[in-house]
N, C-alpha and C. Protein backbone atom coordinates (compact mmCIF):
# COMPACT_ATOMS: atom_id res chain seq x y z
N MET A 1 0.02 14.49 33.78
CA MET A 1 0.28 13.31 33.00
C MET A 1 1.73 12.87 33.18
N VAL A 2 2.64 13.80 33.22
CA VAL A 2 4.05 13.46 33.38
C VAL A 2 4.28 12.83 34.75
N ARG A 3 3.57 13.34 35.76
CA ARG A 3 3.70 12.75 37.10
C ARG A 3 3.26 11.31 37.10
N LEU A 4 2.19 11.00 36.36
CA LEU A 4 1.73 9.62 36.26
C LEU A 4 2.77 8.72 35.61
N LEU A 5 3.36 9.19 34.53
CA LEU A 5 4.37 8.39 33.83
C LEU A 5 5.59 8.15 34.70
N ILE A 6 6.06 9.19 35.37
CA ILE A 6 7.24 9.04 36.23
C ILE A 6 6.94 8.12 37.39
N TYR A 7 5.80 8.29 38.04
CA TYR A 7 5.44 7.42 39.16
C TYR A 7 5.23 5.98 38.67
N GLY A 8 4.63 5.83 37.51
CA GLY A 8 4.43 4.50 36.95
C GLY A 8 5.75 3.79 36.67
N TYR A 9 6.69 4.49 36.07
CA TYR A 9 7.98 3.89 35.78
C TYR A 9 8.76 3.56 37.06
N THR A 10 8.65 4.40 38.08
CA THR A 10 9.39 4.11 39.31
C THR A 10 8.78 2.96 40.10
N THR A 11 7.47 2.72 39.91
CA THR A 11 6.84 1.60 40.62
C THR A 11 6.78 0.33 39.77
N GLY A 12 7.30 0.38 38.53
CA GLY A 12 7.35 -0.80 37.70
C GLY A 12 6.17 -0.97 36.76
N VAL A 13 5.32 0.03 36.66
CA VAL A 13 4.18 -0.03 35.74
C VAL A 13 4.58 0.75 34.50
N ARG A 14 4.88 0.03 33.42
CA ARG A 14 5.40 0.69 32.23
C ARG A 14 4.39 0.77 31.09
N SER A 15 3.34 0.01 31.13
CA SER A 15 2.35 0.00 30.07
C SER A 15 1.33 1.12 30.28
N SER A 16 0.97 1.80 29.19
CA SER A 16 -0.01 2.88 29.31
C SER A 16 -1.38 2.34 29.70
N ARG A 17 -1.70 1.14 29.24
CA ARG A 17 -2.98 0.54 29.63
C ARG A 17 -2.97 0.15 31.10
N ALA A 18 -1.84 -0.31 31.58
CA ALA A 18 -1.74 -0.65 33.01
C ALA A 18 -1.83 0.61 33.87
N ILE A 19 -1.23 1.70 33.40
CA ILE A 19 -1.33 2.97 34.13
C ILE A 19 -2.78 3.44 34.15
N GLN A 20 -3.50 3.26 33.04
CA GLN A 20 -4.91 3.64 33.00
C GLN A 20 -5.71 2.81 33.99
N ARG A 21 -5.44 1.51 34.08
CA ARG A 21 -6.14 0.66 35.05
C ARG A 21 -5.81 1.07 36.48
N LYS A 22 -4.55 1.42 36.72
CA LYS A 22 -4.14 1.84 38.06
C LYS A 22 -4.81 3.15 38.47
N CYS A 23 -5.11 4.03 37.49
CA CYS A 23 -5.80 5.29 37.80
C CYS A 23 -7.20 5.03 38.33
N VAL A 24 -7.77 3.88 38.02
CA VAL A 24 -9.09 3.53 38.51
C VAL A 24 -8.98 2.79 39.84
N ASP A 25 -7.98 1.92 39.98
CA ASP A 25 -7.89 1.02 41.13
C ASP A 25 -7.01 1.52 42.27
N ASP A 26 -5.90 2.16 41.96
CA ASP A 26 -4.89 2.50 42.97
C ASP A 26 -5.08 3.93 43.47
N VAL A 27 -5.01 4.10 44.78
CA VAL A 27 -5.24 5.42 45.38
C VAL A 27 -4.12 6.40 45.02
N ALA A 28 -2.88 5.94 45.00
CA ALA A 28 -1.76 6.83 44.68
C ALA A 28 -1.86 7.34 43.24
N PHE A 29 -2.16 6.45 42.31
CA PHE A 29 -2.32 6.87 40.93
C PHE A 29 -3.52 7.80 40.79
N ARG A 30 -4.58 7.50 41.50
CA ARG A 30 -5.79 8.32 41.42
C ARG A 30 -5.52 9.72 41.93
N SER A 31 -4.74 9.85 43.00
CA SER A 31 -4.46 11.19 43.52
C SER A 31 -3.54 11.97 42.57
N LEU A 32 -2.61 11.27 41.92
CA LEU A 32 -1.75 11.97 40.95
C LEU A 32 -2.54 12.39 39.71
N ALA A 33 -3.57 11.63 39.38
CA ALA A 33 -4.39 11.95 38.21
C ALA A 33 -5.52 12.91 38.55
N ALA A 34 -5.54 13.42 39.76
CA ALA A 34 -6.59 14.34 40.23
C ALA A 34 -7.97 13.70 40.12
N ASP A 35 -8.03 12.42 40.46
CA ASP A 35 -9.27 11.64 40.48
C ASP A 35 -9.95 11.56 39.11
N GLN A 36 -9.13 11.57 38.06
CA GLN A 36 -9.64 11.42 36.70
C GLN A 36 -8.88 10.28 36.02
N ALA A 37 -9.60 9.41 35.35
CA ALA A 37 -8.98 8.32 34.61
C ALA A 37 -8.85 8.71 33.15
N PRO A 38 -7.74 8.37 32.50
CA PRO A 38 -7.61 8.64 31.07
C PRO A 38 -8.65 7.85 30.27
N PRO A 39 -9.01 8.31 29.09
CA PRO A 39 -10.00 7.58 28.29
C PRO A 39 -9.46 6.22 27.86
N ARG A 40 -10.37 5.27 27.68
CA ARG A 40 -9.97 3.92 27.30
C ARG A 40 -9.66 3.80 25.82
N THR A 41 -10.34 4.56 24.97
CA THR A 41 -10.11 4.46 23.54
C THR A 41 -9.17 5.56 23.08
N PRO A 42 -8.19 5.22 22.26
CA PRO A 42 -7.28 6.26 21.76
C PRO A 42 -7.97 7.15 20.75
N ARG A 43 -7.56 8.36 20.68
CA ARG A 43 -8.11 9.30 19.71
C ARG A 43 -7.42 9.08 18.36
N PRO A 44 -8.17 9.21 17.26
CA PRO A 44 -7.53 9.03 15.95
C PRO A 44 -6.57 10.17 15.66
N HIS A 45 -5.48 9.85 15.02
CA HIS A 45 -4.47 10.84 14.66
C HIS A 45 -4.96 11.65 13.48
N PRO A 46 -4.93 12.98 13.54
CA PRO A 46 -5.41 13.77 12.41
C PRO A 46 -4.49 13.65 11.21
N GLY A 47 -5.08 13.60 10.04
CA GLY A 47 -4.32 13.52 8.80
C GLY A 47 -3.82 14.89 8.38
N PRO A 48 -3.31 15.00 7.14
CA PRO A 48 -2.77 16.28 6.69
C PRO A 48 -3.83 17.37 6.56
N SER A 49 -5.10 17.01 6.38
CA SER A 49 -6.13 18.03 6.24
C SER A 49 -6.66 18.49 7.60
N GLY A 50 -6.17 17.89 8.69
CA GLY A 50 -6.64 18.26 10.01
C GLY A 50 -7.77 17.40 10.50
N LYS A 51 -8.37 16.62 9.59
CA LYS A 51 -9.44 15.70 9.96
C LYS A 51 -8.85 14.32 10.23
N PRO A 52 -9.45 13.54 11.11
CA PRO A 52 -8.93 12.19 11.35
C PRO A 52 -9.01 11.35 10.09
N SER A 53 -7.88 10.71 9.75
CA SER A 53 -7.87 9.85 8.57
C SER A 53 -8.42 8.48 8.94
N ARG A 54 -9.25 7.93 8.09
CA ARG A 54 -9.88 6.65 8.38
C ARG A 54 -9.07 5.49 7.80
N LEU A 55 -8.51 5.64 6.61
CA LEU A 55 -7.73 4.59 5.99
C LEU A 55 -6.31 5.07 5.81
N PRO A 56 -5.33 4.18 5.97
CA PRO A 56 -3.95 4.61 5.74
C PRO A 56 -3.73 4.85 4.25
N THR A 57 -2.92 5.84 3.94
CA THR A 57 -2.63 6.14 2.55
C THR A 57 -1.55 5.18 2.06
N PRO A 58 -1.69 4.63 0.86
CA PRO A 58 -0.67 3.70 0.35
C PRO A 58 0.62 4.44 0.03
N LEU A 59 1.73 3.73 0.17
CA LEU A 59 3.03 4.34 -0.14
C LEU A 59 3.23 4.48 -1.62
N LEU A 60 2.78 3.49 -2.39
CA LEU A 60 2.92 3.53 -3.85
C LEU A 60 1.53 3.56 -4.47
N PRO A 61 1.38 4.31 -5.55
CA PRO A 61 0.06 4.32 -6.21
C PRO A 61 -0.23 2.96 -6.84
N TYR A 62 -1.51 2.66 -6.98
CA TYR A 62 -1.91 1.40 -7.60
C TYR A 62 -1.60 1.43 -9.08
N ALA A 63 -1.09 0.32 -9.61
CA ALA A 63 -0.74 0.26 -11.03
C ALA A 63 -1.89 -0.24 -11.86
């Protein structure tokens, strides 16, 4: 993954979505990614309980 980011930045591809597209289309990116493309959908960030949180927690309680 780090090789992809470094190669992407040196070739002018700075967006993660553009790097993902290049992993499908470009031979150099594909070889650095070991012929695997990153997933298109991001994974949800786990909350404090270890399970993915569905709704953001409010900063202040409701009055």
